[in-house]
Amino acid sequence: MDFVLKLVFWLSLATSIYFFNRLLPTLYPHLSLYLKTIGYTLIVYGISLNIIAGKTLRKFGHKNPTKRLSQPDQVVSEGIFSCMRHPAIFGLIFMLIGLSLTTGKIITTLYGFFLSFLGEYFIMAVEERQTLKRLNHKYCDFIKNRPPFNFSPICLYIGIKAMLTKKDKPS
């Protein structure tokens, strides 16, 4: 699937939260502050996952170094990818849920969780199949050893540590 189509998919999910939120009243206004605090925390965590995943893919995903983000031409098992298969998509899901929490409305938050399930379906039905076609048996071995997502903050630490170390020269 083309990068532009993926971008449109995720942006349409995020935009739908805004429109859904506009239609609904606030049911429990006293919960609003708590929901917003959790929401902004999840957004920051999601952005962090995206940045770390993008930099790791740029650093380890290409036989020849590249300056811009593009599909990797090899399986990346270093850094944050040593803990999970889809850190960037996981970050997008966190951002969707966080965005829905920042509205301060419980119904919108439930809608955000529904959208996160749509995002997970997108990953398993579309992303995984495309990657399997592109990288074949190497990606099959990678799938066997890693879960799609991992909630552990240790993964973030491993990802940051790998970003800061120098890449060995290819032999």
N, C-alpha and C. Protein backbone atom coordinates (compact mmCIF):
# COMPACT_ATOMS: atom_id res chain seq x y z
N MET A 1 0.85 -1.17 0.00
CA MET A 1 0.00 0.00 0.00
C MET A 1 0.89 1.24 0.00
N ASP A 2 0.53 2.19 -0.74
CA ASP A 2 1.28 3.42 -0.89
C ASP A 2 1.28 4.23 0.41
N PHE A 3 2.37 4.95 0.65
CA PHE A 3 2.50 5.76 1.86
C PHE A 3 1.37 6.77 1.98
N VAL A 4 0.96 7.38 0.87
CA VAL A 4 -0.10 8.39 0.89
C VAL A 4 -1.42 7.77 1.34
N LEU A 5 -1.73 6.56 0.88
CA LEU A 5 -2.96 5.90 1.30
C LEU A 5 -2.95 5.57 2.79
N LYS A 6 -1.79 5.14 3.29
CA LYS A 6 -1.67 4.87 4.73
C LYS A 6 -1.86 6.15 5.53
N LEU A 7 -1.27 7.23 5.05
CA LEU A 7 -1.40 8.52 5.73
C LEU A 7 -2.86 8.96 5.75
N VAL A 8 -3.54 8.83 4.63
CA VAL A 8 -4.96 9.20 4.55
C VAL A 8 -5.78 8.35 5.52
N PHE A 9 -5.49 7.06 5.61
CA PHE A 9 -6.20 6.17 6.52
C PHE A 9 -6.08 6.67 7.96
N TRP A 10 -4.86 6.91 8.41
CA TRP A 10 -4.65 7.33 9.80
C TRP A 10 -5.18 8.73 10.07
N LEU A 11 -5.03 9.64 9.12
CA LEU A 11 -5.57 10.99 9.31
C LEU A 11 -7.09 10.99 9.33
N SER A 12 -7.71 10.13 8.54
CA SER A 12 -9.18 10.07 8.56
C SER A 12 -9.67 9.50 9.89
N LEU A 13 -8.95 8.55 10.47
CA LEU A 13 -9.34 8.06 11.80
C LEU A 13 -9.24 9.17 12.84
N ALA A 14 -8.14 9.91 12.81
CA ALA A 14 -7.97 11.00 13.78
C ALA A 14 -9.01 12.10 13.57
N THR A 15 -9.30 12.44 12.34
CA THR A 15 -10.29 13.47 12.05
C THR A 15 -11.68 13.04 12.47
N SER A 16 -11.97 11.75 12.33
CA SER A 16 -13.29 11.28 12.73
C SER A 16 -13.51 11.44 14.23
N ILE A 17 -12.45 11.39 15.03
CA ILE A 17 -12.58 11.63 16.48
C ILE A 17 -13.10 13.04 16.72
N TYR A 18 -12.54 14.00 15.99
CA TYR A 18 -12.96 15.40 16.15
C TYR A 18 -14.45 15.55 15.82
N PHE A 19 -14.87 15.01 14.67
CA PHE A 19 -16.27 15.15 14.27
C PHE A 19 -17.21 14.39 15.19
N PHE A 20 -16.82 13.21 15.61
CA PHE A 20 -17.62 12.43 16.55
C PHE A 20 -17.78 13.19 17.86
N ASN A 21 -16.70 13.80 18.32
CA ASN A 21 -16.71 14.54 19.57
C ASN A 21 -17.64 15.74 19.51
N ARG A 22 -17.70 16.41 18.36
CA ARG A 22 -18.55 17.60 18.21
C ARG A 22 -20.03 17.27 18.37
N LEU A 23 -20.42 16.04 18.11
CA LEU A 23 -21.82 15.64 18.15
C LEU A 23 -22.31 15.28 19.55
N LEU A 24 -21.39 15.05 20.48
CA LEU A 24 -21.77 14.48 21.76
C LEU A 24 -21.62 15.46 22.92
N PRO A 25 -22.51 15.36 23.89
CA PRO A 25 -22.36 16.20 25.10
C PRO A 25 -21.35 15.56 26.06
N THR A 26 -20.83 16.35 26.97
CA THR A 26 -19.95 15.83 28.02
C THR A 26 -20.82 15.22 29.11
N LEU A 27 -20.62 13.93 29.38
CA LEU A 27 -21.45 13.25 30.37
C LEU A 27 -20.95 13.43 31.79
N TYR A 28 -19.64 13.35 31.97
CA TYR A 28 -19.05 13.45 33.30
C TYR A 28 -17.96 14.51 33.29
N PRO A 29 -18.31 15.79 33.45
CA PRO A 29 -17.31 16.85 33.33
C PRO A 29 -16.20 16.77 34.39
N HIS A 30 -16.46 16.19 35.55
CA HIS A 30 -15.44 16.11 36.59
C HIS A 30 -14.33 15.12 36.22
N LEU A 31 -14.56 14.24 35.26
CA LEU A 31 -13.52 13.32 34.81
C LEU A 31 -12.63 13.93 33.73
N SER A 32 -13.02 15.06 33.21
CA SER A 32 -12.36 15.66 32.06
C SER A 32 -10.86 15.89 32.29
N LEU A 33 -10.49 16.43 33.45
CA LEU A 33 -9.07 16.72 33.73
C LEU A 33 -8.24 15.44 33.73
N TYR A 34 -8.76 14.38 34.33
CA TYR A 34 -8.03 13.12 34.39
C TYR A 34 -7.87 12.51 33.00
N LEU A 35 -8.95 12.53 32.23
CA LEU A 35 -8.89 11.98 30.89
C LEU A 35 -7.90 12.75 30.02
N LYS A 36 -7.91 14.08 30.13
CA LYS A 36 -7.00 14.90 29.33
C LYS A 36 -5.54 14.64 29.71
N THR A 37 -5.26 14.51 31.00
CA THR A 37 -3.90 14.25 31.45
C THR A 37 -3.39 12.91 30.90
N ILE A 38 -4.22 11.89 31.01
CA ILE A 38 -3.84 10.58 30.47
C ILE A 38 -3.69 10.67 28.95
N GLY A 39 -4.59 11.39 28.31
CA GLY A 39 -4.55 11.53 26.86
C GLY A 39 -3.28 12.18 26.36
N TYR A 40 -2.88 13.28 26.97
CA TYR A 40 -1.64 13.95 26.53
C TYR A 40 -0.42 13.07 26.79
N THR A 41 -0.45 12.31 27.88
CA THR A 41 0.65 11.38 28.16
C THR A 41 0.75 10.32 27.07
N LEU A 42 -0.39 9.78 26.66
CA LEU A 42 -0.39 8.77 25.60
C LEU A 42 0.05 9.35 24.26
N ILE A 43 -0.32 10.59 23.99
CA ILE A 43 0.10 11.23 22.74
C ILE A 43 1.62 11.38 22.72
N VAL A 44 2.20 11.83 23.82
CA VAL A 44 3.67 11.98 23.89
C VAL A 44 4.34 10.61 23.74
N TYR A 45 3.79 9.59 24.39
CA TYR A 45 4.36 8.24 24.27
C TYR A 45 4.26 7.75 22.82
N GLY A 46 3.13 7.99 22.17
CA GLY A 46 2.95 7.58 20.78
C GLY A 46 3.90 8.30 19.84
N ILE A 47 4.09 9.59 20.05
CA ILE A 47 5.04 10.34 19.23
C ILE A 47 6.45 9.81 19.43
N SER A 48 6.79 9.49 20.68
CA SER A 48 8.11 8.93 20.97
C SER A 48 8.33 7.62 20.24
N LEU A 49 7.33 6.76 20.27
CA LEU A 49 7.43 5.48 19.56
C LEU A 49 7.64 5.71 18.07
N ASN A 50 6.91 6.65 17.49
CA ASN A 50 7.05 6.94 16.06
C ASN A 50 8.43 7.47 15.71
N ILE A 51 8.94 8.37 16.50
CA ILE A 51 10.27 8.94 16.24
C ILE A 51 11.34 7.86 16.34
N ILE A 52 11.28 7.07 17.40
CA ILE A 52 12.28 6.01 17.60
C ILE A 52 12.19 4.98 16.48
N ALA A 53 10.98 4.58 16.10
CA ALA A 53 10.82 3.59 15.03
C ALA A 53 11.34 4.13 13.70
N GLY A 54 11.01 5.38 13.39
CA GLY A 54 11.47 5.97 12.13
C GLY A 54 12.98 6.07 12.05
N LYS A 55 13.60 6.53 13.12
CA LYS A 55 15.06 6.64 13.13
C LYS A 55 15.73 5.28 13.09
N THR A 56 15.15 4.30 13.76
CA THR A 56 15.70 2.95 13.74
C THR A 56 15.60 2.34 12.34
N LEU A 57 14.47 2.53 11.68
CA LEU A 57 14.32 2.04 10.31
C LEU A 57 15.31 2.70 9.36
N ARG A 58 15.49 3.99 9.52
CA ARG A 58 16.45 4.70 8.67
C ARG A 58 17.87 4.21 8.91
N LYS A 59 18.18 3.91 10.16
CA LYS A 59 19.55 3.52 10.52
C LYS A 59 19.86 2.07 10.16
N PHE A 60 18.94 1.15 10.42
CA PHE A 60 19.22 -0.27 10.27
C PHE A 60 18.46 -0.95 9.14
N GLY A 61 17.50 -0.30 8.51
CA GLY A 61 16.63 -0.95 7.56
C GLY A 61 17.09 -0.95 6.12
N HIS A 62 18.24 -0.35 5.85
CA HIS A 62 18.70 -0.25 4.47
C HIS A 62 20.15 -0.72 4.34
N LYS A 63 20.41 -1.44 3.28
CA LYS A 63 21.79 -1.89 3.04
C LYS A 63 22.68 -0.68 2.75
N ASN A 64 22.13 0.28 2.04
CA ASN A 64 22.84 1.55 1.80
C ASN A 64 22.14 2.63 2.61
N PRO A 65 22.88 3.41 3.38
CA PRO A 65 22.26 4.43 4.23
C PRO A 65 21.39 5.39 3.42
N THR A 66 20.29 5.82 4.04
CA THR A 66 19.38 6.75 3.40
C THR A 66 19.06 7.90 4.35
N LYS A 67 18.85 9.07 3.81
CA LYS A 67 18.52 10.24 4.63
C LYS A 67 17.02 10.33 4.90
N ARG A 68 16.22 9.86 3.95
CA ARG A 68 14.78 10.00 4.11
C ARG A 68 14.14 8.68 4.52
N LEU A 69 12.95 8.77 5.05
CA LEU A 69 12.23 7.57 5.48
C LEU A 69 11.64 6.87 4.27
N SER A 70 11.95 5.61 4.13
CA SER A 70 11.41 4.79 3.05
C SER A 70 11.26 3.37 3.58
N GLN A 71 10.56 2.54 2.82
CA GLN A 71 10.38 1.16 3.26
C GLN A 71 11.74 0.48 3.38
N PRO A 72 11.96 -0.24 4.46
CA PRO A 72 13.25 -0.92 4.61
C PRO A 72 13.40 -2.04 3.59
N ASP A 73 14.63 -2.30 3.21
CA ASP A 73 14.88 -3.39 2.26
C ASP A 73 15.42 -4.62 2.96
N GLN A 74 15.43 -4.59 4.30
CA GLN A 74 15.81 -5.76 5.09
C GLN A 74 15.07 -5.72 6.42
N VAL A 75 14.98 -6.88 7.05
CA VAL A 75 14.29 -6.98 8.34
C VAL A 75 15.13 -6.27 9.40
N VAL A 76 14.48 -5.44 10.20
CA VAL A 76 15.15 -4.71 11.27
C VAL A 76 14.81 -5.39 12.59
N SER A 77 15.83 -5.89 13.27
CA SER A 77 15.61 -6.54 14.57
C SER A 77 16.41 -5.85 15.67
N GLU A 78 16.95 -4.69 15.39
CA GLU A 78 17.71 -3.93 16.37
C GLU A 78 16.81 -2.90 17.04
N GLY A 79 17.27 -2.40 18.17
CA GLY A 79 16.57 -1.32 18.86
C GLY A 79 15.17 -1.73 19.30
N ILE A 80 14.25 -0.84 19.06
CA ILE A 80 12.87 -1.07 19.50
C ILE A 80 12.24 -2.25 18.76
N PHE A 81 12.76 -2.59 17.59
CA PHE A 81 12.25 -3.73 16.84
C PHE A 81 12.69 -5.06 17.44
N SER A 82 13.57 -5.03 18.43
CA SER A 82 13.92 -6.26 19.13
C SER A 82 12.82 -6.64 20.13
N CYS A 83 11.94 -5.69 20.44
CA CYS A 83 10.84 -5.93 21.39
C CYS A 83 9.50 -6.15 20.72
N MET A 84 9.28 -5.49 19.58
CA MET A 84 7.98 -5.56 18.92
C MET A 84 8.13 -5.35 17.42
N ARG A 85 7.10 -5.78 16.68
CA ARG A 85 7.16 -5.69 15.22
C ARG A 85 6.70 -4.34 14.68
N HIS A 86 5.76 -3.68 15.34
CA HIS A 86 5.13 -2.49 14.77
C HIS A 86 5.13 -1.30 15.74
N PRO A 87 6.29 -0.80 16.13
CA PRO A 87 6.29 0.31 17.09
C PRO A 87 5.67 1.59 16.55
N ALA A 88 5.85 1.90 15.28
CA ALA A 88 5.30 3.14 14.73
C ALA A 88 3.77 3.08 14.70
N ILE A 89 3.22 1.96 14.27
CA ILE A 89 1.77 1.81 14.23
C ILE A 89 1.22 1.79 15.65
N PHE A 90 1.93 1.16 16.56
CA PHE A 90 1.54 1.15 17.96
C PHE A 90 1.50 2.58 18.48
N GLY A 91 2.47 3.38 18.08
CA GLY A 91 2.48 4.80 18.45
C GLY A 91 1.28 5.54 17.89
N LEU A 92 0.89 5.24 16.66
CA LEU A 92 -0.29 5.88 16.07
C LEU A 92 -1.55 5.50 16.84
N ILE A 93 -1.63 4.25 17.26
CA ILE A 93 -2.79 3.81 18.04
C ILE A 93 -2.83 4.55 19.38
N PHE A 94 -1.67 4.70 20.02
CA PHE A 94 -1.61 5.46 21.26
C PHE A 94 -2.05 6.91 21.03
N MET A 95 -1.64 7.48 19.91
CA MET A 95 -2.02 8.86 19.63
C MET A 95 -3.52 8.98 19.40
N LEU A 96 -4.13 8.00 18.72
CA LEU A 96 -5.59 8.02 18.52
C LEU A 96 -6.33 7.94 19.85
N ILE A 97 -5.91 7.01 20.69
CA ILE A 97 -6.56 6.87 22.00
C ILE A 97 -6.32 8.12 22.83
N GLY A 98 -5.09 8.63 22.80
CA GLY A 98 -4.78 9.86 23.54
C GLY A 98 -5.60 11.04 23.05
N LEU A 99 -5.75 11.17 21.74
CA LEU A 99 -6.56 12.25 21.18
C LEU A 99 -8.00 12.14 21.64
N SER A 100 -8.53 10.93 21.66
CA SER A 100 -9.92 10.75 22.12
C SER A 100 -10.05 11.06 23.61
N LEU A 101 -9.02 10.75 24.39
CA LEU A 101 -9.06 11.07 25.83
C LEU A 101 -8.99 12.57 26.08
N THR A 102 -8.27 13.30 25.25
CA THR A 102 -8.14 14.75 25.47
C THR A 102 -9.45 15.50 25.25
N THR A 103 -10.43 14.86 24.63
CA THR A 103 -11.73 15.52 24.47
C THR A 103 -12.46 15.62 25.80
N GLY A 104 -12.08 14.75 26.75
CA GLY A 104 -12.73 14.76 28.06
C GLY A 104 -14.09 14.10 28.06
N LYS A 105 -14.42 13.40 27.00
CA LYS A 105 -15.74 12.75 26.91
C LYS A 105 -15.56 11.23 26.86
N ILE A 106 -16.28 10.55 27.71
CA ILE A 106 -16.15 9.10 27.81
C ILE A 106 -16.60 8.41 26.52
N ILE A 107 -17.67 8.88 25.92
CA ILE A 107 -18.17 8.25 24.69
C ILE A 107 -17.15 8.40 23.57
N THR A 108 -16.52 9.56 23.47
CA THR A 108 -15.49 9.76 22.45
C THR A 108 -14.29 8.87 22.74
N THR A 109 -13.98 8.67 24.00
CA THR A 109 -12.88 7.78 24.37
C THR A 109 -13.19 6.34 23.94
N LEU A 110 -14.42 5.90 24.14
CA LEU A 110 -14.80 4.56 23.68
C LEU A 110 -14.70 4.47 22.16
N TYR A 111 -15.07 5.54 21.48
CA TYR A 111 -14.92 5.58 20.03
C TYR A 111 -13.44 5.47 19.64
N GLY A 112 -12.57 6.13 20.40
CA GLY A 112 -11.12 6.06 20.15
C GLY A 112 -10.60 4.63 20.30
N PHE A 113 -11.11 3.91 21.28
CA PHE A 113 -10.71 2.51 21.44
C PHE A 113 -11.20 1.67 20.26
N PHE A 114 -12.41 1.96 19.79
CA PHE A 114 -12.92 1.27 18.60
C PHE A 114 -12.00 1.53 17.40
N LEU A 115 -11.58 2.77 17.24
CA LEU A 115 -10.67 3.11 16.14
C LEU A 115 -9.33 2.40 16.28
N SER A 116 -8.88 2.21 17.52
CA SER A 116 -7.61 1.50 17.71
C SER A 116 -7.73 0.05 17.25
N PHE A 117 -8.89 -0.55 17.45
CA PHE A 117 -9.09 -1.91 16.94
C PHE A 117 -9.10 -1.92 15.41
N LEU A 118 -9.66 -0.89 14.79
CA LEU A 118 -9.58 -0.77 13.34
C LEU A 118 -8.13 -0.67 12.89
N GLY A 119 -7.34 0.12 13.63
CA GLY A 119 -5.92 0.25 13.30
C GLY A 119 -5.18 -1.06 13.43
N GLU A 120 -5.49 -1.83 14.47
CA GLU A 120 -4.85 -3.13 14.63
C GLU A 120 -5.24 -4.08 13.51
N TYR A 121 -6.51 -4.03 13.10
CA TYR A 121 -6.93 -4.86 11.97
C TYR A 121 -6.16 -4.46 10.71
N PHE A 122 -6.00 -3.17 10.52
CA PHE A 122 -5.24 -2.65 9.37
C PHE A 122 -3.83 -3.23 9.36
N ILE A 123 -3.20 -3.27 10.53
CA ILE A 123 -1.84 -3.79 10.63
C ILE A 123 -1.80 -5.26 10.25
N MET A 124 -2.66 -6.04 10.84
CA MET A 124 -2.61 -7.47 10.62
C MET A 124 -3.09 -7.86 9.23
N ALA A 125 -4.08 -7.18 8.71
CA ALA A 125 -4.65 -7.56 7.42
C ALA A 125 -3.88 -6.98 6.24
N VAL A 126 -3.31 -5.79 6.41
CA VAL A 126 -2.67 -5.12 5.28
C VAL A 126 -1.15 -5.08 5.42
N GLU A 127 -0.67 -4.47 6.48
CA GLU A 127 0.78 -4.27 6.67
C GLU A 127 1.56 -5.58 6.70
N GLU A 128 1.09 -6.52 7.52
CA GLU A 128 1.83 -7.78 7.68
C GLU A 128 1.90 -8.54 6.36
N ARG A 129 0.81 -8.58 5.64
CA ARG A 129 0.80 -9.32 4.37
C ARG A 129 1.74 -8.69 3.35
N GLN A 130 1.76 -7.37 3.29
CA GLN A 130 2.66 -6.70 2.35
C GLN A 130 4.11 -6.95 2.71
N THR A 131 4.41 -6.88 3.99
CA THR A 131 5.79 -7.09 4.42
C THR A 131 6.21 -8.54 4.19
N LEU A 132 5.31 -9.49 4.41
CA LEU A 132 5.62 -10.89 4.13
C LEU A 132 5.94 -11.10 2.65
N LYS A 133 5.18 -10.46 1.77
CA LYS A 133 5.44 -10.58 0.34
C LYS A 133 6.80 -9.99 -0.03
N ARG A 134 7.15 -8.88 0.61
CA ARG A 134 8.38 -8.17 0.28
C ARG A 134 9.62 -8.84 0.85
N LEU A 135 9.55 -9.31 2.09
CA LEU A 135 10.75 -9.81 2.78
C LEU A 135 10.76 -11.33 2.99
N ASN A 136 9.72 -12.01 2.59
CA ASN A 136 9.62 -13.47 2.58
C ASN A 136 9.98 -14.15 3.89
N HIS A 137 10.84 -15.19 3.83
CA HIS A 137 11.13 -16.05 4.97
C HIS A 137 11.83 -15.31 6.11
N LYS A 138 12.60 -14.27 5.82
CA LYS A 138 13.27 -13.53 6.90
C LYS A 138 12.23 -12.88 7.82
N TYR A 139 11.16 -12.37 7.23
CA TYR A 139 10.12 -11.75 8.05
C TYR A 139 9.31 -12.81 8.79
N CYS A 140 9.15 -13.99 8.21
CA CYS A 140 8.47 -15.09 8.90
C CYS A 140 9.20 -15.44 10.19
N ASP A 141 10.53 -15.53 10.13
CA ASP A 141 11.32 -15.81 11.33
C ASP A 141 11.18 -14.68 12.34
N PHE A 142 11.13 -13.46 11.86
CA PHE A 142 10.99 -12.28 12.71
C PHE A 142 9.65 -12.32 13.45
N ILE A 143 8.57 -12.69 12.75
CA ILE A 143 7.23 -12.76 13.34
C ILE A 143 7.17 -13.79 14.46
N LYS A 144 7.86 -14.90 14.28
CA LYS A 144 7.83 -15.96 15.29
C LYS A 144 8.42 -15.53 16.62
N ASN A 145 9.38 -14.61 16.59
CA ASN A 145 10.13 -14.24 17.79
C ASN A 145 9.66 -12.95 18.46
N ARG A 146 8.72 -12.21 17.85
CA ARG A 146 8.32 -10.93 18.42
C ARG A 146 6.82 -10.72 18.36
N PRO A 147 6.26 -10.16 19.44
CA PRO A 147 4.84 -9.81 19.40
C PRO A 147 4.64 -8.56 18.54
N PRO A 148 3.43 -8.34 18.04
CA PRO A 148 3.19 -7.13 17.26
C PRO A 148 3.40 -5.86 18.09
N PHE A 149 3.00 -5.92 19.37
CA PHE A 149 3.12 -4.75 20.25
C PHE A 149 3.67 -5.19 21.60
N ASN A 150 4.27 -4.24 22.30
CA ASN A 150 4.79 -4.50 23.64
C ASN A 150 4.62 -3.23 24.44
N PHE A 151 3.94 -3.32 25.58
CA PHE A 151 3.67 -2.14 26.40
C PHE A 151 4.84 -1.73 27.29
N SER A 152 5.87 -2.50 27.36
CA SER A 152 6.96 -2.26 28.29
C SER A 152 7.74 -0.98 27.96
N PRO A 153 7.94 -0.10 28.95
CA PRO A 153 8.76 1.09 28.74
C PRO A 153 10.23 0.74 28.48
N ILE A 154 10.62 -0.48 28.80
CA ILE A 154 11.99 -0.93 28.53
C ILE A 154 12.25 -0.92 27.03
N CYS A 155 11.22 -1.19 26.23
CA CYS A 155 11.36 -1.15 24.76
C CYS A 155 11.77 0.25 24.32
N LEU A 156 11.18 1.27 24.92
CA LEU A 156 11.57 2.64 24.58
C LEU A 156 13.03 2.88 24.92
N TYR A 157 13.46 2.40 26.07
CA TYR A 157 14.85 2.55 26.48
C TYR A 157 15.79 1.85 25.49
N ILE A 158 15.43 0.62 25.12
CA ILE A 158 16.25 -0.13 24.15
C ILE A 158 16.30 0.61 22.81
N GLY A 159 15.16 1.16 22.41
CA GLY A 159 15.10 1.90 21.15
C GLY A 159 15.96 3.15 21.17
N ILE A 160 15.91 3.89 22.25
CA ILE A 160 16.73 5.11 22.38
C ILE A 160 18.20 4.75 22.40
N LYS A 161 18.56 3.71 23.14
CA LYS A 161 19.95 3.28 23.23
C LYS A 161 20.49 2.88 21.85
N ALA A 162 19.70 2.14 21.05
CA ALA A 162 20.13 1.73 19.72
C ALA A 162 20.26 2.92 18.78
N MET A 163 19.40 3.92 18.94
CA MET A 163 19.48 5.12 18.09
C MET A 163 20.78 5.87 18.34
N LEU A 164 21.23 5.87 19.58
CA LEU A 164 22.40 6.65 19.96
C LEU A 164 23.72 5.95 19.69
N THR A 165 23.69 4.63 19.45
CA THR A 165 24.93 3.93 19.15
C THR A 165 25.23 4.01 17.66
N LYS A 166 26.50 3.89 17.35
CA LYS A 166 26.89 3.94 15.94
C LYS A 166 26.63 2.61 15.28
N LYS A 167 26.22 2.67 14.02
CA LYS A 167 25.96 1.46 13.25
C LYS A 167 27.27 0.89 12.76
N ASP A 168 27.40 -0.44 12.89
CA ASP A 168 28.60 -1.11 12.37
C ASP A 168 28.59 -1.01 10.85
N LYS A 169 29.78 -0.89 10.27
CA LYS A 169 29.90 -0.84 8.81
C LYS A 169 29.55 -2.21 8.23
N PRO A 170 28.79 -2.24 7.12
CA PRO A 170 28.46 -3.53 6.51
C PRO A 170 29.71 -4.20 5.97
N SER A 171 29.75 -5.51 6.09
CA SER A 171 30.94 -6.23 5.62
C SER A 171 30.83 -6.66 4.19
